[in-house]
PDB file of all heavy atoms in Angstrom:
ATOM      1  N   ASP A   1      -0.167   7.274   7.684  1.00  0.00           N
ATOM      2  CA  ASP A   1       1.035   8.116   7.524  1.00  0.00           C
ATOM      3  C   ASP A   1       1.012   8.898   6.222  1.00  0.00           C
ATOM      4  O   ASP A   1       1.648   9.949   6.128  1.00  0.00           O
ATOM      5  CB  ASP A   1       2.290   7.246   7.547  1.00  0.00           C
ATOM      6  CG  ASP A   1       2.443   6.497   8.862  1.00  0.00           C
ATOM      7  OD1 ASP A   1       2.222   7.114   9.923  1.00  0.00           O
ATOM      8  OD2 ASP A   1       2.805   5.303   8.840  1.00  0.00           O
ATOM      9  N   GLY A   2       0.340   8.388   5.227  1.00  0.00           N
ATOM     10  CA  GLY A   2       0.310   9.047   3.929  1.00  0.00           C
ATOM     11  C   GLY A   2      -0.558   8.288   2.947  1.00  0.00           C
ATOM     12  O   GLY A   2      -1.090   7.220   3.280  1.00  0.00           O
ATOM     13  N   ILE A   3      -0.691   8.830   1.759  1.00  0.00           N
ATOM     14  CA  ILE A   3      -1.461   8.199   0.693  1.00  0.00           C
ATOM     15  C   ILE A   3      -0.529   7.939  -0.474  1.00  0.00           C
ATOM     16  O   ILE A   3       0.237   8.816  -0.877  1.00  0.00           O
ATOM     17  CB  ILE A   3      -2.635   9.103   0.254  1.00  0.00           C
ATOM     18  CG1 ILE A   3      -3.621   9.282   1.437  1.00  0.00           C
ATOM     19  CG2 ILE A   3      -3.379   8.482  -0.932  1.00  0.00           C
ATOM     20  CD1 ILE A   3      -4.768  10.219   1.139  1.00  0.00           C
ATOM     21  N   GLU A   4      -0.589   6.743  -0.989  1.00  0.00           N
ATOM     22  CA  GLU A   4       0.291   6.380  -2.108  1.00  0.00           C
ATOM     23  C   GLU A   4      -0.059   7.206  -3.341  1.00  0.00           C
ATOM     24  O   GLU A   4      -1.214   7.460  -3.648  1.00  0.00           O
ATOM     25  CB  GLU A   4       0.132   4.905  -2.439  1.00  0.00           C
ATOM     26  CG  GLU A   4       1.113   4.435  -3.520  1.00  0.00           C
ATOM     27  CD  GLU A   4       0.924   2.952  -3.848  1.00  0.00           C
ATOM     28  OE1 GLU A   4      -0.081   2.607  -4.471  1.00  0.00           O
ATOM     29  OE2 GLU A   4       1.797   2.146  -3.461  1.00  0.00           O
ATOM     30  N   ASP A   5       0.987   7.658  -4.024  1.00  0.00           N
ATOM     31  CA  ASP A   5       0.810   8.381  -5.279  1.00  0.00           C
ATOM     32  C   ASP A   5      -0.002   7.506  -6.234  1.00  0.00           C
ATOM     33  O   ASP A   5       0.267   6.324  -6.389  1.00  0.00           O
ATOM     34  CB  ASP A   5       2.198   8.666  -5.878  1.00  0.00           C
ATOM     35  CG  ASP A   5       2.133   9.569  -7.093  1.00  0.00           C
ATOM     36  OD1 ASP A   5       1.240   9.391  -7.936  1.00  0.00           O
ATOM     37  OD2 ASP A   5       3.007  10.437  -7.222  1.00  0.00           O
ATOM     38  N   PRO A   6      -1.024   8.079  -6.904  1.00  0.00           N
ATOM     39  CA  PRO A   6      -1.843   7.293  -7.845  1.00  0.00           C
ATOM     40  C   PRO A   6      -1.004   6.608  -8.918  1.00  0.00           C
ATOM     41  O   PRO A   6      -1.436   5.616  -9.514  1.00  0.00           O
ATOM     42  CB  PRO A   6      -2.774   8.336  -8.447  1.00  0.00           C
ATOM     43  CG  PRO A   6      -2.888   9.395  -7.408  1.00  0.00           C
ATOM     44  CD  PRO A   6      -1.528   9.447  -6.757  1.00  0.00           C
ATOM     45  N   ALA A   7       0.199   7.153  -9.182  1.00  0.00           N
ATOM     46  CA  ALA A   7       1.061   6.529 -10.200  1.00  0.00           C
ATOM     47  C   ALA A   7       1.885   5.388  -9.614  1.00  0.00           C
ATOM     48  O   ALA A   7       2.639   4.733 -10.342  1.00  0.00           O
ATOM     49  CB  ALA A   7       2.000   7.588 -10.779  1.00  0.00           C
ATOM     50  N   GLY A   8       1.740   5.123  -8.310  1.00  0.00           N
ATOM     51  CA  GLY A   8       2.491   4.060  -7.679  1.00  0.00           C
ATOM     52  C   GLY A   8       1.945   2.704  -8.014  1.00  0.00           C
ATOM     53  O   GLY A   8       0.938   2.552  -8.676  1.00  0.00           O
ATOM     54  N   GLY A   9       2.665   1.687  -7.564  1.00  0.00           N
ATOM     55  CA  GLY A   9       2.229   0.309  -7.829  1.00  0.00           C
ATOM     56  C   GLY A   9       2.958  -0.284  -9.006  1.00  0.00           C
ATOM     57  O   GLY A   9       3.899   0.268  -9.536  1.00  0.00           O
ATOM     58  N   ALA A  10       2.506  -1.461  -9.414  1.00  0.00           N
ATOM     59  CA  ALA A  10       3.197  -2.201 -10.463  1.00  0.00           C
ATOM     60  C   ALA A  10       2.937  -1.617 -11.843  1.00  0.00           C
ATOM     61  O   ALA A  10       1.913  -0.985 -12.100  1.00  0.00           O
ATOM     62  CB  ALA A  10       2.734  -3.666 -10.422  1.00  0.00           C
ATOM     63  N   TYR A  11       3.882  -1.873 -12.739  1.00  0.00           N
ATOM     64  CA  TYR A  11       3.803  -1.434 -14.121  1.00  0.00           C
ATOM     65  C   TYR A  11       4.118  -2.584 -15.066  1.00  0.00           C
ATOM     66  O   TYR A  11       4.912  -3.466 -14.751  1.00  0.00           O
ATOM     67  CB  TYR A  11       4.787  -0.289 -14.413  1.00  0.00           C
ATOM     68  CG  TYR A  11       4.397   1.039 -13.825  1.00  0.00           C
ATOM     69  CD1 TYR A  11       4.679   1.352 -12.511  1.00  0.00           C
ATOM     70  CD2 TYR A  11       3.710   1.964 -14.582  1.00  0.00           C
ATOM     71  CE1 TYR A  11       4.302   2.552 -11.951  1.00  0.00           C
ATOM     72  CE2 TYR A  11       3.332   3.182 -14.047  1.00  0.00           C
ATOM     73  CZ  TYR A  11       3.645   3.476 -12.737  1.00  0.00           C
ATOM     74  OH  TYR A  11       3.264   4.671 -12.191  1.00  0.00           O
ATOM     75  N   LYS A  12       3.506  -2.526 -16.254  1.00  0.00           N
ATOM     76  CA  LYS A  12       3.893  -3.411 -17.327  1.00  0.00           C
ATOM     77  C   LYS A  12       5.104  -2.815 -18.036  1.00  0.00           C
ATOM     78  O   LYS A  12       5.389  -1.625 -17.903  1.00  0.00           O
ATOM     79  CB  LYS A  12       2.772  -3.586 -18.338  1.00  0.00           C
ATOM     80  CG  LYS A  12       1.585  -4.385 -17.865  1.00  0.00           C
ATOM     81  CD  LYS A  12       0.573  -4.535 -18.995  1.00  0.00           C
ATOM     82  CE  LYS A  12      -0.631  -5.364 -18.565  1.00  0.00           C
ATOM     83  NZ  LYS A  12      -1.625  -5.479 -19.651  1.00  0.00           N
ATOM     84  N   GLU A  13       5.803  -3.656 -18.810  1.00  0.00           N
ATOM     85  CA  GLU A  13       6.851  -3.098 -19.630  1.00  0.00           C
ATOM     86  C   GLU A  13       6.227  -2.089 -20.580  1.00  0.00           C
ATOM     87  O   GLU A  13       5.187  -2.313 -21.177  1.00  0.00           O
ATOM     88  CB  GLU A  13       7.530  -4.232 -20.445  1.00  0.00           C
ATOM     89  CG  GLU A  13       8.346  -5.179 -19.587  1.00  0.00           C
ATOM     90  CD  GLU A  13       9.102  -6.182 -20.430  1.00  0.00           C
ATOM     91  OE1 GLU A  13       9.218  -5.970 -21.652  1.00  0.00           O
ATOM     92  OE2 GLU A  13       9.568  -7.173 -19.864  1.00  0.00           O
ATOM     93  N   GLY A  14       6.896  -0.953 -20.726  1.00  0.00           N
ATOM     94  CA  GLY A  14       6.337   0.111 -21.552  1.00  0.00           C
ATOM     95  C   GLY A  14       5.682   1.186 -20.737  1.00  0.00           C
ATOM     96  O   GLY A  14       5.271   2.213 -21.270  1.00  0.00           O
ATOM     97  N   GLY A  15       5.566   0.973 -19.402  1.00  0.00           N
ATOM     98  CA  GLY A  15       5.108   2.037 -18.520  1.00  0.00           C
ATOM     99  C   GLY A  15       3.619   2.045 -18.202  1.00  0.00           C
ATOM    100  O   GLY A  15       3.164   2.910 -17.468  1.00  0.00           O
ATOM    101  N   GLU A  16       2.846   1.075 -18.709  1.00  0.00           N
ATOM    102  CA  GLU A  16       1.427   1.051 -18.420  1.00  0.00           C
ATOM    103  C   GLU A  16       1.185   0.582 -16.977  1.00  0.00           C
ATOM    104  O   GLU A  16       1.684  -0.468 -16.566  1.00  0.00           O
ATOM    105  CB  GLU A  16       0.688   0.105 -19.377  1.00  0.00           C
ATOM    106  CG  GLU A  16      -0.812   0.003 -19.096  1.00  0.00           C
ATOM    107  CD  GLU A  16      -1.477  -1.108 -19.903  1.00  0.00           C
ATOM    108  OE1 GLU A  16      -0.800  -1.690 -20.773  1.00  0.00           O
ATOM    109  OE2 GLU A  16      -2.667  -1.375 -19.648  1.00  0.00           O
ATOM    110  N   THR A  17       0.425   1.375 -16.198  1.00  0.00           N
ATOM    111  CA  THR A  17       0.136   0.947 -14.838  1.00  0.00           C
ATOM    112  C   THR A  17      -0.920  -0.156 -14.831  1.00  0.00           C
ATOM    113  O   THR A  17      -1.797  -0.187 -15.684  1.00  0.00           O
ATOM    114  CB  THR A  17      -0.378   2.133 -13.988  1.00  0.00           C
ATOM    115  OG1 THR A  17      -0.589   1.689 -12.642  1.00  0.00           O
ATOM    116  CG2 THR A  17      -1.672   2.703 -14.537  1.00  0.00           C
ATOM    117  N   VAL A  18      -0.783  -1.070 -13.887  1.00  0.00           N
ATOM    118  CA  VAL A  18      -1.748  -2.179 -13.804  1.00  0.00           C
ATOM    119  C   VAL A  18      -2.621  -2.025 -12.563  1.00  0.00           C
ATOM    120  O   VAL A  18      -3.488  -2.842 -12.301  1.00  0.00           O
ATOM    121  CB  VAL A  18      -1.040  -3.551 -13.775  1.00  0.00           C
ATOM    122  CG1 VAL A  18      -0.242  -3.757 -15.042  1.00  0.00           C
ATOM    123  CG2 VAL A  18      -0.138  -3.680 -12.545  1.00  0.00           C
ATOM    124  N   LYS A  19      -2.391  -0.950 -11.804  1.00  0.00           N
ATOM    125  CA  LYS A  19      -3.085  -0.745 -10.547  1.00  0.00           C
ATOM    126  C   LYS A  19      -4.119   0.357 -10.691  1.00  0.00           C
ATOM    127  O   LYS A  19      -3.790   1.475 -11.036  1.00  0.00           O
ATOM    128  CB  LYS A  19      -2.086  -0.368  -9.449  1.00  0.00           C
ATOM    129  CG  LYS A  19      -2.689  -0.302  -8.046  1.00  0.00           C
ATOM    130  CD  LYS A  19      -1.561  -0.092  -7.015  1.00  0.00           C
ATOM    131  CE  LYS A  19      -2.079  -0.177  -5.586  1.00  0.00           C
ATOM    132  NZ  LYS A  19      -0.978  -0.036  -4.607  1.00  0.00           N
ATOM    133  N   ARG A  20      -5.399   0.016 -10.463  1.00  0.00           N
ATOM    134  CA  ARG A  20      -6.455   1.013 -10.463  1.00  0.00           C
ATOM    135  C   ARG A  20      -7.236   0.813  -9.177  1.00  0.00           C
ATOM    136  O   ARG A  20      -8.159   0.011  -9.088  1.00  0.00           O
ATOM    137  CB  ARG A  20      -7.359   0.869 -11.685  1.00  0.00           C
ATOM    138  CG  ARG A  20      -8.412   1.996 -11.765  1.00  0.00           C
ATOM    139  CD  ARG A  20      -9.067   2.083 -13.111  1.00  0.00           C
ATOM    140  NE  ARG A  20      -9.869   0.918 -13.406  1.00  0.00           N
ATOM    141  CZ  ARG A  20      -9.795   0.219 -14.541  1.00  0.00           C
ATOM    142  NH1 ARG A  20      -8.949   0.552 -15.460  1.00  0.00           N
ATOM    143  NH2 ARG A  20     -10.593  -0.833 -14.729  1.00  0.00           N
ATOM    144  N   VAL A  21      -6.847   1.566  -8.155  1.00  0.00           N
ATOM    145  CA  VAL A  21      -7.412   1.464  -6.815  1.00  0.00           C
ATOM    146  C   VAL A  21      -7.808   2.851  -6.365  1.00  0.00           C
ATOM    147  O   VAL A  21      -7.036   3.807  -6.534  1.00  0.00           O
ATOM    148  CB  VAL A  21      -6.396   0.846  -5.817  1.00  0.00           C
ATOM    149  CG1 VAL A  21      -7.029   0.667  -4.446  1.00  0.00           C
ATOM    150  CG2 VAL A  21      -5.897  -0.495  -6.342  1.00  0.00           C
ATOM    151  N   SER A  22      -9.010   2.994  -5.778  1.00  0.00           N
ATOM    152  CA  SER A  22      -9.496   4.331  -5.411  1.00  0.00           C
ATOM    153  C   SER A  22      -8.544   5.065  -4.482  1.00  0.00           C
ATOM    154  O   SER A  22      -8.241   6.242  -4.684  1.00  0.00           O
ATOM    155  CB  SER A  22     -10.871   4.211  -4.769  1.00  0.00           C
ATOM    156  OG  SER A  22     -11.838   3.853  -5.732  1.00  0.00           O
ATOM    157  N   ASP A  23      -8.068   4.390  -3.457  1.00  0.00           N
ATOM    158  CA  ASP A  23      -7.050   5.010  -2.611  1.00  0.00           C
ATOM    159  C   ASP A  23      -6.252   3.944  -1.892  1.00  0.00           C
ATOM    160  O   ASP A  23      -6.732   2.835  -1.625  1.00  0.00           O
ATOM    161  CB  ASP A  23      -7.637   6.020  -1.617  1.00  0.00           C
ATOM    162  CG  ASP A  23      -8.548   5.396  -0.600  1.00  0.00           C
ATOM    163  OD1 ASP A  23      -8.048   4.761   0.343  1.00  0.00           O
ATOM    164  OD2 ASP A  23      -9.771   5.561  -0.738  1.00  0.00           O
ATOM    165  N   VAL A  24      -5.004   4.281  -1.613  1.00  0.00           N
ATOM    166  CA  VAL A  24      -4.082   3.399  -0.925  1.00  0.00           C
ATOM    167  C   VAL A  24      -3.479   4.178   0.226  1.00  0.00           C
ATOM    168  O   VAL A  24      -2.728   5.124   0.034  1.00  0.00           O
ATOM    169  CB  VAL A  24      -2.976   2.888  -1.831  1.00  0.00           C
ATOM    170  CG1 VAL A  24      -2.028   1.949  -1.083  1.00  0.00           C
ATOM    171  CG2 VAL A  24      -3.548   2.189  -3.057  1.00  0.00           C
ATOM    172  N   LYS A  25      -3.847   3.819   1.441  1.00  0.00           N
ATOM    173  CA  LYS A  25      -3.339   4.486   2.634  1.00  0.00           C
ATOM    174  C   LYS A  25      -2.162   3.708   3.227  1.00  0.00           C
ATOM    175  O   LYS A  25      -2.220   2.468   3.285  1.00  0.00           O
ATOM    176  CB  LYS A  25      -4.450   4.696   3.649  1.00  0.00           C
ATOM    177  CG  LYS A  25      -5.500   5.695   3.185  1.00  0.00           C
ATOM    178  CD  LYS A  25      -6.527   5.961   4.269  1.00  0.00           C
ATOM    179  CE  LYS A  25      -7.427   7.142   3.891  1.00  0.00           C
ATOM    180  NZ  LYS A  25      -8.275   6.840   2.738  1.00  0.00           N
ATOM    181  N   LEU A  26      -1.119   4.420   3.650  1.00  0.00           N
ATOM    182  CA  LEU A  26       0.064   3.810   4.200  1.00  0.00           C
ATOM    183  C   LEU A  26       0.092   3.994   5.704  1.00  0.00           C
ATOM    184  O   LEU A  26      -0.211   5.077   6.209  1.00  0.00           O
ATOM    185  CB  LEU A  26       1.315   4.469   3.592  1.00  0.00           C
ATOM    186  CG  LEU A  26       1.362   4.562   2.072  1.00  0.00           C
ATOM    187  CD1 LEU A  26       2.595   5.352   1.627  1.00  0.00           C
ATOM    188  CD2 LEU A  26       1.373   3.168   1.450  1.00  0.00           C
ATOM    189  N   ILE A  27       0.452   2.951   6.405  1.00  0.00           N
ATOM    190  CA  ILE A  27       0.578   3.038   7.878  1.00  0.00           C
ATOM    191  C   ILE A  27       1.720   2.147   8.321  1.00  0.00           C
ATOM    192  O   ILE A  27       1.911   1.047   7.794  1.00  0.00           O
ATOM    193  CB  ILE A  27      -0.750   2.647   8.561  1.00  0.00           C
ATOM    194  CG1 ILE A  27      -0.654   2.958  10.069  1.00  0.00           C
ATOM    195  CG2 ILE A  27      -1.116   1.191   8.325  1.00  0.00           C
ATOM    196  CD1 ILE A  27      -2.006   2.922  10.787  1.00  0.00           C
ATOM    197  N   SER A  28       2.494   2.611   9.292  1.00  0.00           N
ATOM    198  CA  SER A  28       3.621   1.816   9.800  1.00  0.00           C
ATOM    199  C   SER A  28       3.126   0.689  10.698  1.00  0.00           C
ATOM    200  O   SER A  28       2.117   0.834  11.386  1.00  0.00           O
ATOM    201  CB  SER A  28       4.600   2.722  10.556  1.00  0.00           C
ATOM    202  OG  SER A  28       3.986   3.227  11.726  1.00  0.00           O
ATOM    203  N   TYR A  29       3.872  -0.388  10.652  1.00  0.00           N
ATOM    204  CA  TYR A  29       3.497  -1.545  11.496  1.00  0.00           C
ATOM    205  C   TYR A  29       3.502  -1.162  12.971  1.00  0.00           C
ATOM    206  O   TYR A  29       2.644  -1.646  13.745  1.00  0.00           O
ATOM    207  CB  TYR A  29       4.453  -2.710  11.232  1.00  0.00           C
ATOM    208  CG  TYR A  29       4.184  -3.893  12.126  1.00  0.00           C
ATOM    209  CD1 TYR A  29       2.938  -4.540  12.076  1.00  0.00           C
ATOM    210  CD2 TYR A  29       5.130  -4.355  13.022  1.00  0.00           C
ATOM    211  CE1 TYR A  29       2.663  -5.625  12.888  1.00  0.00           C
ATOM    212  CE2 TYR A  29       4.860  -5.436  13.850  1.00  0.00           C
ATOM    213  CZ  TYR A  29       3.623  -6.059  13.774  1.00  0.00           C
ATOM    214  OH  TYR A  29       3.372  -7.139  14.595  1.00  0.00           O
ATOM    215  N   GLY A  30       4.426  -0.304  13.376  1.00  0.00           N
ATOM    216  CA  GLY A  30       4.492   0.084  14.784  1.00  0.00           C
ATOM    217  C   GLY A  30       3.204   0.703  15.284  1.00  0.00           C
ATOM    218  O   GLY A  30       2.838   0.534  16.452  1.00  0.00           O
ATOM    219  N   LYS A  31       2.492   1.427  14.416  1.00  0.00           N
ATOM    220  CA  LYS A  31       1.245   2.069  14.823  1.00  0.00           C
ATOM    221  C   LYS A  31       0.110   1.083  15.010  1.00  0.00           C
ATOM    222  O   LYS A  31      -0.720   1.225  15.891  1.00  0.00           O
ATOM    223  CB  LYS A  31       0.831   3.112  13.782  1.00  0.00           C
ATOM    224  CG  LYS A  31       1.544   4.433  13.862  1.00  0.00           C
ATOM    225  CD  LYS A  31       0.921   5.409  12.881  1.00  0.00           C
ATOM    226  CE  LYS A  31       1.546   6.790  12.983  1.00  0.00           C
ATOM    227  NZ  LYS A  31       0.937   7.744  12.026  1.00  0.00           N
ATOM    228  N   ILE A  32       0.071   0.061  14.144  1.00  0.00           N
ATOM    229  CA  ILE A  32      -1.117  -0.772  14.076  1.00  0.00           C
ATOM    230  C   ILE A  32      -0.898  -2.190  14.636  1.00  0.00           C
ATOM    231  O   ILE A  32      -1.809  -3.006  14.658  1.00  0.00           O
ATOM    232  CB  ILE A  32      -1.633  -0.862  12.615  1.00  0.00           C
ATOM    233  CG1 ILE A  32      -3.068  -1.351  12.580  1.00  0.00           C
ATOM    234  CG2 ILE A  32      -0.710  -1.734  11.749  1.00  0.00           C
ATOM    235  CD1 ILE A  32      -3.723  -1.252  11.214  1.00  0.00           C
ATOM    236  N   LYS A  33       0.307  -2.456  15.122  1.00  0.00           N
ATOM    237  CA  LYS A  33       0.588  -3.834  15.526  1.00  0.00           C
ATOM    238  C   LYS A  33      -0.269  -4.316  16.691  1.00  0.00           C
ATOM    239  O   LYS A  33      -0.469  -5.512  16.859  1.00  0.00           O
ATOM    240  CB  LYS A  33       2.066  -4.010  15.847  1.00  0.00           C
ATOM    241  CG  LYS A  33       2.599  -3.250  17.034  1.00  0.00           C
ATOM    242  CD  LYS A  33       4.104  -3.517  17.187  1.00  0.00           C
ATOM    243  CE  LYS A  33       4.689  -2.773  18.361  1.00  0.00           C
ATOM    244  NZ  LYS A  33       6.160  -3.019  18.460  1.00  0.00           N
ATOM    245  N   HIS A  34      -0.808  -3.381  17.494  1.00  0.00           N
ATOM    246  CA  HIS A  34      -1.666  -3.816  18.599  1.00  0.00           C
ATOM    247  C   HIS A  34      -2.943  -4.485  18.102  1.00  0.00           C
ATOM    248  O   HIS A  34      -3.615  -5.186  18.860  1.00  0.00           O
ATOM    249  CB  HIS A  34      -2.013  -2.616  19.493  1.00  0.00           C
ATOM    250  CG  HIS A  34      -2.831  -1.551  18.826  1.00  0.00           C
ATOM    251  ND1 HIS A  34      -2.300  -0.706  17.867  1.00  0.00           N
ATOM    252  CD2 HIS A  34      -4.116  -1.189  18.977  1.00  0.00           C
ATOM    253  CE1 HIS A  34      -3.245   0.137  17.461  1.00  0.00           C
ATOM    254  NE2 HIS A  34      -4.355  -0.152  18.109  1.00  0.00           N
ATOM    255  N   LEU A  35      -3.265  -4.259  16.821  1.00  0.00           N
ATOM    256  CA  LEU A  35      -4.484  -4.859  16.255  1.00  0.00           C
ATOM    257  C   LEU A  35      -4.201  -6.089  15.398  1.00  0.00           C
ATOM    258  O   LEU A  35      -5.091  -6.903  15.188  1.00  0.00           O
ATOM    259  CB  LEU A  35      -5.220  -3.833  15.394  1.00  0.00           C
ATOM    260  CG  LEU A  35      -5.845  -2.640  16.159  1.00  0.00           C
ATOM    261  CD1 LEU A  35      -6.409  -1.610  15.167  1.00  0.00           C
ATOM    262  CD2 LEU A  35      -6.955  -3.120  17.081  1.00  0.00           C
ATOM    263  N   ILE A  36      -2.966  -6.227  14.878  1.00  0.00           N
ATOM    264  CA  ILE A  36      -2.689  -7.296  13.911  1.00  0.00           C
ATOM    265  C   ILE A  36      -1.493  -8.170  14.258  1.00  0.00           C
ATOM    266  O   ILE A  36      -1.130  -9.041  13.450  1.00  0.00           O
ATOM    267  CB  ILE A  36      -2.519  -6.720  12.471  1.00  0.00           C
ATOM    268  CG1 ILE A  36      -1.327  -5.769  12.452  1.00  0.00           C
ATOM    269  CG2 ILE A  36      -3.789  -6.026  12.017  1.00  0.00           C
ATOM    270  CD1 ILE A  36      -0.943  -5.349  11.029  1.00  0.00           C
ATOM    271  N   SER A  37      -0.862  -7.950  15.400  1.00  0.00           N
ATOM    272  CA  SER A  37       0.379  -8.670  15.697  1.00  0.00           C
ATOM    273  C   SER A  37       0.188 -10.185  15.770  1.00  0.00           C
ATOM    274  O   SER A  37       1.122 -10.948  15.473  1.00  0.00           O
ATOM    275  CB  SER A  37       0.992  -8.165  17.001  1.00  0.00           C
ATOM    276  OG  SER A  37       0.111  -8.398  18.100  1.00  0.00           O
ATOM    277  N   HIS A  38      -0.999 -10.632  16.139  1.00  0.00           N
ATOM    278  CA  HIS A  38      -1.284 -12.065  16.198  1.00  0.00           C
ATOM    279  C   HIS A  38      -1.080 -12.695  14.807  1.00  0.00           C
ATOM    280  O   HIS A  38      -0.361 -13.694  14.647  1.00  0.00           O
ATOM    281  CB  HIS A  38      -2.696 -12.289  16.705  1.00  0.00           C
ATOM    282  CG  HIS A  38      -2.953 -13.681  17.183  1.00  0.00           C
ATOM    283  ND1 HIS A  38      -4.237 -14.137  17.425  1.00  0.00           N
ATOM    284  CD2 HIS A  38      -2.149 -14.713  17.475  1.00  0.00           C
ATOM    285  CE1 HIS A  38      -4.187 -15.388  17.836  1.00  0.00           C
ATOM    286  NE2 HIS A  38      -2.932 -15.751  17.891  1.00  0.00           N
ATOM    287  N   LEU A  39      -1.699 -12.115  13.793  1.00  0.00           N
ATOM    288  CA  LEU A  39      -1.552 -12.625  12.434  1.00  0.00           C
ATOM    289  C   LEU A  39      -0.129 -12.467  11.947  1.00  0.00           C
ATOM    290  O   LEU A  39       0.430 -13.386  11.305  1.00  0.00           O
ATOM    291  CB  LEU A  39      -2.522 -11.879  11.499  1.00  0.00           C
ATOM    292  CG  LEU A  39      -2.371 -12.189   9.988  1.00  0.00           C
ATOM    293  CD1 LEU A  39      -2.654 -13.661   9.726  1.00  0.00           C
ATOM    294  CD2 LEU A  39      -3.305 -11.306   9.161  1.00  0.00           C
ATOM    295  N   ILE A  40       0.482 -11.294  12.176  1.00  0.00           N
ATOM    296  CA  ILE A  40       1.843 -11.069  11.695  1.00  0.00           C
ATOM    297  C   ILE A  40       2.819 -12.062  12.312  1.00  0.00           C
ATOM    298  O   ILE A  40       3.735 -12.558  11.669  1.00  0.00           O
ATOM    299  CB  ILE A  40       2.286  -9.619  11.974  1.00  0.00           C
ATOM    300  CG1 ILE A  40       1.304  -8.636  11.311  1.00  0.00           C
ATOM    301  CG2 ILE A  40       3.699  -9.380  11.474  1.00  0.00           C
ATOM    302  CD1 ILE A  40       1.101  -8.848   9.825  1.00  0.00           C
ATOM    303  N   GLY A  41       2.619 -12.388  13.589  1.00  0.00           N
ATOM    304  CA  GLY A  41       3.477 -13.359  14.235  1.00  0.00           C
ATOM    305  C   GLY A  41       3.403 -14.730  13.551  1.00  0.00           C
ATOM    306  O   GLY A  41       4.429 -15.367  13.288  1.00  0.00           O
TER     307      GLY A  41
END
């Protein structure tokens, strides 16, 4: 559905980001539940 803003994720007090990940892709559960519903259940 989208890509998380590189500035997203957790922060330390003072504004320092603690997340350094090449990319974070977002997808709704409704789209992918046919592949993972067993685990989610």
